[in-house]
Structures are given as structure tokens and as C-alpha cells.
PDB file of N, CA and C in Angstrom:
ATOM      1  N   ASN A   1       0.880  -1.126   0.004  1.00  0.00           N
ATOM      2  CA  ASN A   1      -0.048   0.074   0.063  1.00  0.00           C
ATOM      3  C   ASN A   1       0.894   1.260   0.023  1.00  0.00           C
ATOM      4  N   PRO A   2       0.855   2.060  -1.027  1.00  0.00           N
ATOM      5  CA  PRO A   2       1.738   3.190  -1.128  1.00  0.00           C
ATOM      6  C   PRO A   2       1.400   4.245  -0.043  1.00  0.00           C
ATOM      7  N   GLU A   3       0.189   4.272   0.532  1.00  0.00           N
ATOM      8  CA  GLU A   3      -0.226   5.261   1.473  1.00  0.00           C
ATOM      9  C   GLU A   3       0.118   4.738   2.909  1.00  0.00           C
ATOM     10  N   SER A   4       0.790   3.617   3.064  1.00  0.00           N
ATOM     11  CA  SER A   4       1.069   3.145   4.437  1.00  0.00           C
ATOM     12  C   SER A   4       2.139   3.791   5.156  1.00  0.00           C
ATOM     13  N   LEU A   5       2.982   4.556   4.450  1.00  0.00           N
ATOM     14  CA  LEU A   5       4.154   5.168   5.120  1.00  0.00           C
ATOM     15  C   LEU A   5       4.084   6.580   4.761  1.00  0.00           C
ATOM     16  N   LYS A   6       3.986   7.423   5.764  1.00  0.00           N
ATOM     17  CA  LYS A   6       4.070   8.874   5.577  1.00  0.00           C
ATOM     18  C   LYS A   6       5.111   9.429   6.576  1.00  0.00           C
ATOM     19  N   VAL A   7       6.164  10.053   6.132  1.00  0.00           N
ATOM     20  CA  VAL A   7       7.145  10.687   7.021  1.00  0.00           C
ATOM     21  C   VAL A   7       6.897  12.155   6.979  1.00  0.00           C
ATOM     22  N   LEU A   8       6.697  12.678   8.206  1.00  0.00           N
ATOM     23  CA  LEU A   8       6.393  14.111   8.346  1.00  0.00           C
ATOM     24  C   LEU A   8       7.437  14.739   9.246  1.00  0.00           C
ATOM     25  N   GLN A   9       7.735  15.967   8.942  1.00  0.00           N
ATOM     26  CA  GLN A   9       8.556  16.793   9.762  1.00  0.00           C
ATOM     27  C   GLN A   9       7.596  17.737  10.561  1.00  0.00           C
ATOM     28  N   ALA A  10       7.845  17.888  11.870  1.00  0.00           N
ATOM     29  CA  ALA A  10       6.895  18.566  12.751  1.00  0.00           C
ATOM     30  C   ALA A  10       7.576  19.226  13.908  1.00  0.00           C
ATOM     31  N   VAL A  11       6.933  20.224  14.456  1.00  0.00           N
ATOM     32  CA  VAL A  11       7.383  20.852  15.705  1.00  0.00           C
ATOM     33  C   VAL A  11       6.640  20.204  16.821  1.00  0.00           C
ATOM     34  N   ILE A  12       7.321  19.724  17.858  1.00  0.00           N
ATOM     35  CA  ILE A  12       6.650  19.104  18.994  1.00  0.00           C
ATOM     36  C   ILE A  12       7.131  19.769  20.248  1.00  0.00           C
ATOM     37  N   GLU A  13       6.331  19.555  21.323  1.00  0.00           N
ATOM     38  CA  GLU A  13       6.718  19.962  22.644  1.00  0.00           C
ATOM     39  C   GLU A  13       8.088  19.422  23.019  1.00  0.00           C
ATOM     40  N   PRO A  14       8.979  20.078  23.628  1.00  0.00           N
ATOM     41  CA  PRO A  14      10.331  19.541  23.895  1.00  0.00           C
ATOM     42  C   PRO A  14      10.229  18.315  24.825  1.00  0.00           C
ATOM     43  N   ALA A  15       9.257  18.190  25.706  1.00  0.00           N
ATOM     44  CA  ALA A  15       9.149  17.098  26.599  1.00  0.00           C
ATOM     45  C   ALA A  15       8.898  15.730  25.816  1.00  0.00           C
ATOM     46  N   LEU A  16       8.327  15.833  24.596  1.00  0.00           N
ATOM     47  CA  LEU A  16       8.038  14.616  23.838  1.00  0.00           C
ATOM     48  C   LEU A  16       9.362  13.930  23.468  1.00  0.00           C
ATOM     49  N   ALA A  17      10.440  14.646  23.321  1.00  0.00           N
ATOM     50  CA  ALA A  17      11.640  14.053  22.916  1.00  0.00           C
ATOM     51  C   ALA A  17      12.178  13.130  24.054  1.00  0.00           C
ATOM     52  N   GLN A  18      11.710  13.370  25.323  1.00  0.00           N
ATOM     53  CA  GLN A  18      12.145  12.514  26.432  1.00  0.00           C
ATOM     54  C   GLN A  18      11.178  11.277  26.562  1.00  0.00           C
ATOM     55  N   ALA A  19      10.227  11.025  25.675  1.00  0.00           N
ATOM     56  CA  ALA A  19       9.383   9.975  25.792  1.00  0.00           C
ATOM     57  C   ALA A  19      10.234   8.604  25.713  1.00  0.00           C
ATOM     58  N   GLN A  20       9.701   7.710  26.462  1.00  0.00           N
ATOM     59  CA  GLN A  20      10.316   6.382  26.415  1.00  0.00           C
ATOM     60  C   GLN A  20       9.644   5.488  25.336  1.00  0.00           C
ATOM     61  N   PRO A  21      10.321   4.601  24.788  1.00  0.00           N
ATOM     62  CA  PRO A  21       9.725   3.650  23.733  1.00  0.00           C
ATOM     63  C   PRO A  21       8.442   3.109  24.254  1.00  0.00           C
ATOM     64  N   GLU A  22       7.512   3.119  23.336  1.00  0.00           N
ATOM     65  CA  GLU A  22       6.136   2.557  23.635  1.00  0.00           C
ATOM     66  C   GLU A  22       5.253   3.498  24.388  1.00  0.00           C
ATOM     67  N   ASP A  23       5.693   4.699  24.769  1.00  0.00           N
ATOM     68  CA  ASP A  23       4.862   5.687  25.448  1.00  0.00           C
ATOM     69  C   ASP A  23       3.864   6.159  24.342  1.00  0.00           C
ATOM     70  N   ARG A  24       2.567   6.373  24.813  1.00  0.00           N
ATOM     71  CA  ARG A  24       1.491   6.753  23.878  1.00  0.00           C
ATOM     72  C   ARG A  24       1.038   8.189  24.134  1.00  0.00           C
ATOM     73  N   PHE A  25       0.637   8.832  23.033  1.00  0.00           N
ATOM     74  CA  PHE A  25       0.175  10.207  23.106  1.00  0.00           C
ATOM     75  C   PHE A  25      -0.974  10.475  22.129  1.00  0.00           C
ATOM     76  N   GLN A  26      -1.763  11.510  22.500  1.00  0.00           N
ATOM     77  CA  GLN A  26      -2.736  11.894  21.516  1.00  0.00           C
ATOM     78  C   GLN A  26      -2.219  13.325  21.006  1.00  0.00           C
ATOM     79  N   PHE A  27      -1.982  13.340  19.627  1.00  0.00           N
ATOM     80  CA  PHE A  27      -1.670  14.673  19.058  1.00  0.00           C
ATOM     81  C   PHE A  27      -2.996  15.296  18.569  1.00  0.00           C
ATOM     82  N   GLU A  28      -3.284  16.496  19.047  1.00  0.00           N
ATOM     83  CA  GLU A  28      -4.527  17.145  18.798  1.00  0.00           C
ATOM     84  C   GLU A  28      -4.887  17.122  17.308  1.00  0.00           C
ATOM     85  N   ARG A  29      -6.138  16.760  17.072  1.00  0.00           N
ATOM     86  CA  ARG A  29      -6.717  16.757  15.754  1.00  0.00           C
ATOM     87  C   ARG A  29      -6.010  15.865  14.752  1.00  0.00           C
ATOM     88  N   GLU A  30      -5.126  15.021  15.232  1.00  0.00           N
ATOM     89  CA  GLU A  30      -4.395  14.116  14.302  1.00  0.00           C
ATOM     90  C   GLU A  30      -4.610  12.646  14.640  1.00  0.00           C
ATOM     91  N   GLY A  31      -4.438  12.246  15.903  1.00  0.00           N
ATOM     92  CA  GLY A  31      -4.711  10.872  16.238  1.00  0.00           C
ATOM     93  C   GLY A  31      -3.851  10.482  17.470  1.00  0.00           C
ATOM     94  N   TYR A  32      -3.801   9.120  17.628  1.00  0.00           N
ATOM     95  CA  TYR A  32      -2.989   8.645  18.765  1.00  0.00           C
ATOM     96  C   TYR A  32      -1.678   7.970  18.190  1.00  0.00           C
ATOM     97  N   PHE A  33      -0.613   8.235  18.931  1.00  0.00           N
ATOM     98  CA  PHE A  33       0.707   7.829  18.405  1.00  0.00           C
ATOM     99  C   PHE A  33       1.483   7.128  19.552  1.00  0.00           C
ATOM    100  N   VAL A  34       2.486   6.324  19.208  1.00  0.00           N
ATOM    101  CA  VAL A  34       3.250   5.612  20.132  1.00  0.00           C
ATOM    102  C   VAL A  34       4.779   5.929  19.741  1.00  0.00           C
ATOM    103  N   ALA A  35       5.606   6.141  20.688  1.00  0.00           N
ATOM    104  CA  ALA A  35       7.003   6.329  20.514  1.00  0.00           C
ATOM    105  C   ALA A  35       7.591   5.068  19.947  1.00  0.00           C
ATOM    106  N   ASP A  36       8.335   5.117  18.875  1.00  0.00           N
ATOM    107  CA  ASP A  36       8.888   3.875  18.182  1.00  0.00           C
ATOM    108  C   ASP A  36       9.848   3.234  19.121  1.00  0.00           C
ATOM    109  N   ARG A  37       9.756   1.917  19.240  1.00  0.00           N
ATOM    110  CA  ARG A  37      10.554   1.205  20.226  1.00  0.00           C
ATOM    111  C   ARG A  37      12.071   1.016  19.765  1.00  0.00           C
ATOM    112  N   TYR A  38      12.299   1.180  18.402  1.00  0.00           N
ATOM    113  CA  TYR A  38      13.682   1.113  17.926  1.00  0.00           C
ATOM    114  C   TYR A  38      14.263   2.383  17.466  1.00  0.00           C
ATOM    115  N   ASP A  39      13.576   3.263  16.880  1.00  0.00           N
ATOM    116  CA  ASP A  39      14.170   4.463  16.271  1.00  0.00           C
ATOM    117  C   ASP A  39      14.016   5.753  17.026  1.00  0.00           C
ATOM    118  N   HIS A  40      13.176   5.704  18.085  1.00  0.00           N
ATOM    119  CA  HIS A  40      12.932   6.932  18.849  1.00  0.00           C
ATOM    120  C   HIS A  40      14.192   7.255  19.696  1.00  0.00           C
ATOM    121  N   SER A  41      14.618   8.567  19.634  1.00  0.00           N
ATOM    122  CA  SER A  41      15.742   9.055  20.473  1.00  0.00           C
ATOM    123  C   SER A  41      15.467  10.521  20.740  1.00  0.00           C
ATOM    124  N   PRO A  42      16.053  11.097  21.810  1.00  0.00           N
ATOM    125  CA  PRO A  42      15.793  12.478  22.103  1.00  0.00           C
ATOM    126  C   PRO A  42      16.277  13.434  20.969  1.00  0.00           C
ATOM    127  N   GLU A  43      17.322  12.985  20.269  1.00  0.00           N
ATOM    128  CA  GLU A  43      17.802  13.805  19.142  1.00  0.00           C
ATOM    129  C   GLU A  43      16.978  13.718  17.938  1.00  0.00           C
ATOM    130  N   LYS A  44      16.201  12.647  17.739  1.00  0.00           N
ATOM    131  CA  LYS A  44      15.396  12.457  16.594  1.00  0.00           C
ATOM    132  C   LYS A  44      14.163  11.576  17.011  1.00  0.00           C
ATOM    133  N   PRO A  45      13.170  12.225  17.615  1.00  0.00           N
ATOM    134  CA  PRO A  45      11.966  11.476  18.026  1.00  0.00           C
ATOM    135  C   PRO A  45      11.225  10.866  16.853  1.00  0.00           C
ATOM    136  N   VAL A  46      10.730   9.722  17.046  1.00  0.00           N
ATOM    137  CA  VAL A  46       9.901   9.002  16.051  1.00  0.00           C
ATOM    138  C   VAL A  46       8.635   8.457  16.709  1.00  0.00           C
ATOM    139  N   PHE A  47       7.538   8.870  16.107  1.00  0.00           N
ATOM    140  CA  PHE A  47       6.272   8.437  16.610  1.00  0.00           C
ATOM    141  C   PHE A  47       5.443   7.808  15.513  1.00  0.00           C
ATOM    142  N   ASN A  48       4.823   6.691  15.814  1.00  0.00           N
ATOM    143  CA  ASN A  48       3.998   5.917  14.867  1.00  0.00           C
ATOM    144  C   ASN A  48       2.545   6.147  15.234  1.00  0.00           C
ATOM    145  N   ARG A  49       1.747   6.389  14.191  1.00  0.00           N
ATOM    146  CA  ARG A  49       0.318   6.551  14.301  1.00  0.00           C
ATOM    147  C   ARG A  49      -0.333   5.221  14.656  1.00  0.00           C
ATOM    148  N   ILE A  50      -1.043   5.112  15.751  1.00  0.00           N
ATOM    149  CA  ILE A  50      -1.803   3.857  15.898  1.00  0.00           C
ATOM    150  C   ILE A  50      -3.181   3.930  15.824  1.00  0.00           C
ATOM    151  N   LEU A  51      -3.806   5.172  15.821  1.00  0.00           N
ATOM    152  CA  LEU A  51      -5.238   5.347  15.594  1.00  0.00           C
ATOM    153  C   LEU A  51      -5.417   6.774  15.041  1.00  0.00           C
ATOM    154  N   ASP A  52      -6.164   6.806  13.856  1.00  0.00           N
ATOM    155  CA  ASP A  52      -6.396   8.062  13.228  1.00  0.00           C
ATOM    156  C   ASP A  52      -7.669   8.700  13.817  1.00  0.00           C
ATOM    157  N   LEU A  53      -7.713  10.006  14.006  1.00  0.00           N
ATOM    158  CA  LEU A  53      -8.933  10.678  14.379  1.00  0.00           C
ATOM    159  C   LEU A  53      -9.724  11.074  13.187  1.00  0.00           C
ATOM    160  N   ARG A  54     -10.868  10.504  13.030  1.00  0.00           N
ATOM    161  CA  ARG A  54     -11.753  10.763  11.901  1.00  0.00           C
ATOM    162  C   ARG A  54     -12.890  11.661  12.376  1.00  0.00           C
ATOM    163  N   ASP A  55     -13.252  12.560  11.558  1.00  0.00           N
ATOM    164  CA  ASP A  55     -14.299  13.557  11.772  1.00  0.00           C
ATOM    165  C   ASP A  55     -15.645  12.814  11.508  1.00  0.00           C
ATOM    166  N   SER A  56     -16.388  12.487  12.551  1.00  0.00           N
ATOM    167  CA  SER A  56     -17.583  11.778  12.408  1.00  0.00           C
ATOM    168  C   SER A  56     -18.784  12.769  12.572  1.00  0.00           C
ATOM    169  N   PHE A  57     -18.540  14.012  12.648  1.00  0.00           N
ATOM    170  CA  PHE A  57     -19.567  15.049  12.813  1.00  0.00           C
ATOM    171  C   PHE A  57     -20.485  15.101  11.514  1.00  0.00           C
ATOM    172  N   LYS A  58     -21.779  14.942  11.709  1.00  0.00           N
ATOM    173  CA  LYS A  58     -22.675  15.165  10.591  1.00  0.00           C
ATOM    174  C   LYS A  58     -23.745  16.193  10.989  1.00  0.00           C
ATOM    175  N   PRO A  59     -23.734  17.267  10.306  1.00  0.00           N
ATOM    176  CA  PRO A  59     -24.707  18.367  10.653  1.00  0.00           C
ATOM    177  C   PRO A  59     -26.125  17.837  10.477  1.00  0.00           C
ATOM    178  N   GLY A  60     -26.943  18.323  11.443  1.00  0.00           N
ATOM    179  CA  GLY A  60     -28.388  17.933  11.425  1.00  0.00           C
ATOM    180  C   GLY A  60     -29.042  18.445  10.199  1.00  0.00           C
ATOM    181  N   LYS A  61     -30.192  17.828   9.860  1.00  0.00           N
ATOM    182  CA  LYS A  61     -30.895  18.290   8.637  1.00  0.00           C
ATOM    183  C   LYS A  61     -32.091  19.153   9.036  1.00  0.00           C
TER     184      LYS A  61
END
């Protein structure tokens, strides 16, 4: 699936660089993420999306 890997550059809170492998977070309006168990480091934090936030709002008729 060509859409299965998306590499993004982003600005994060400095404290997130100190996350331990497998720590989980919700990034506002984006989804839930986990710190990568192999590639995450304070110098280069890596987070993997584990759940996408989808907009389920449907305006009333």
C-alpha cells in the first residue's frame, strides 16, 4: 500500500523528545501515536500513528 508510510517533519513539545519507547500520546486533531521502540531518540523522536482521528460530525438536517 503506497499510503501506508508517511514521513512528516513537525514541531513538537520539547518534553516529547524525552518519551520512552512505547509511550503513547494523542496529538490534537491528528490521532494517537506511540514512540517507536527502535528508532525513537531524544535527538530524533519518532512516533508511529496507531489510531487516526476521523471527523464523524454530521450536521443535522
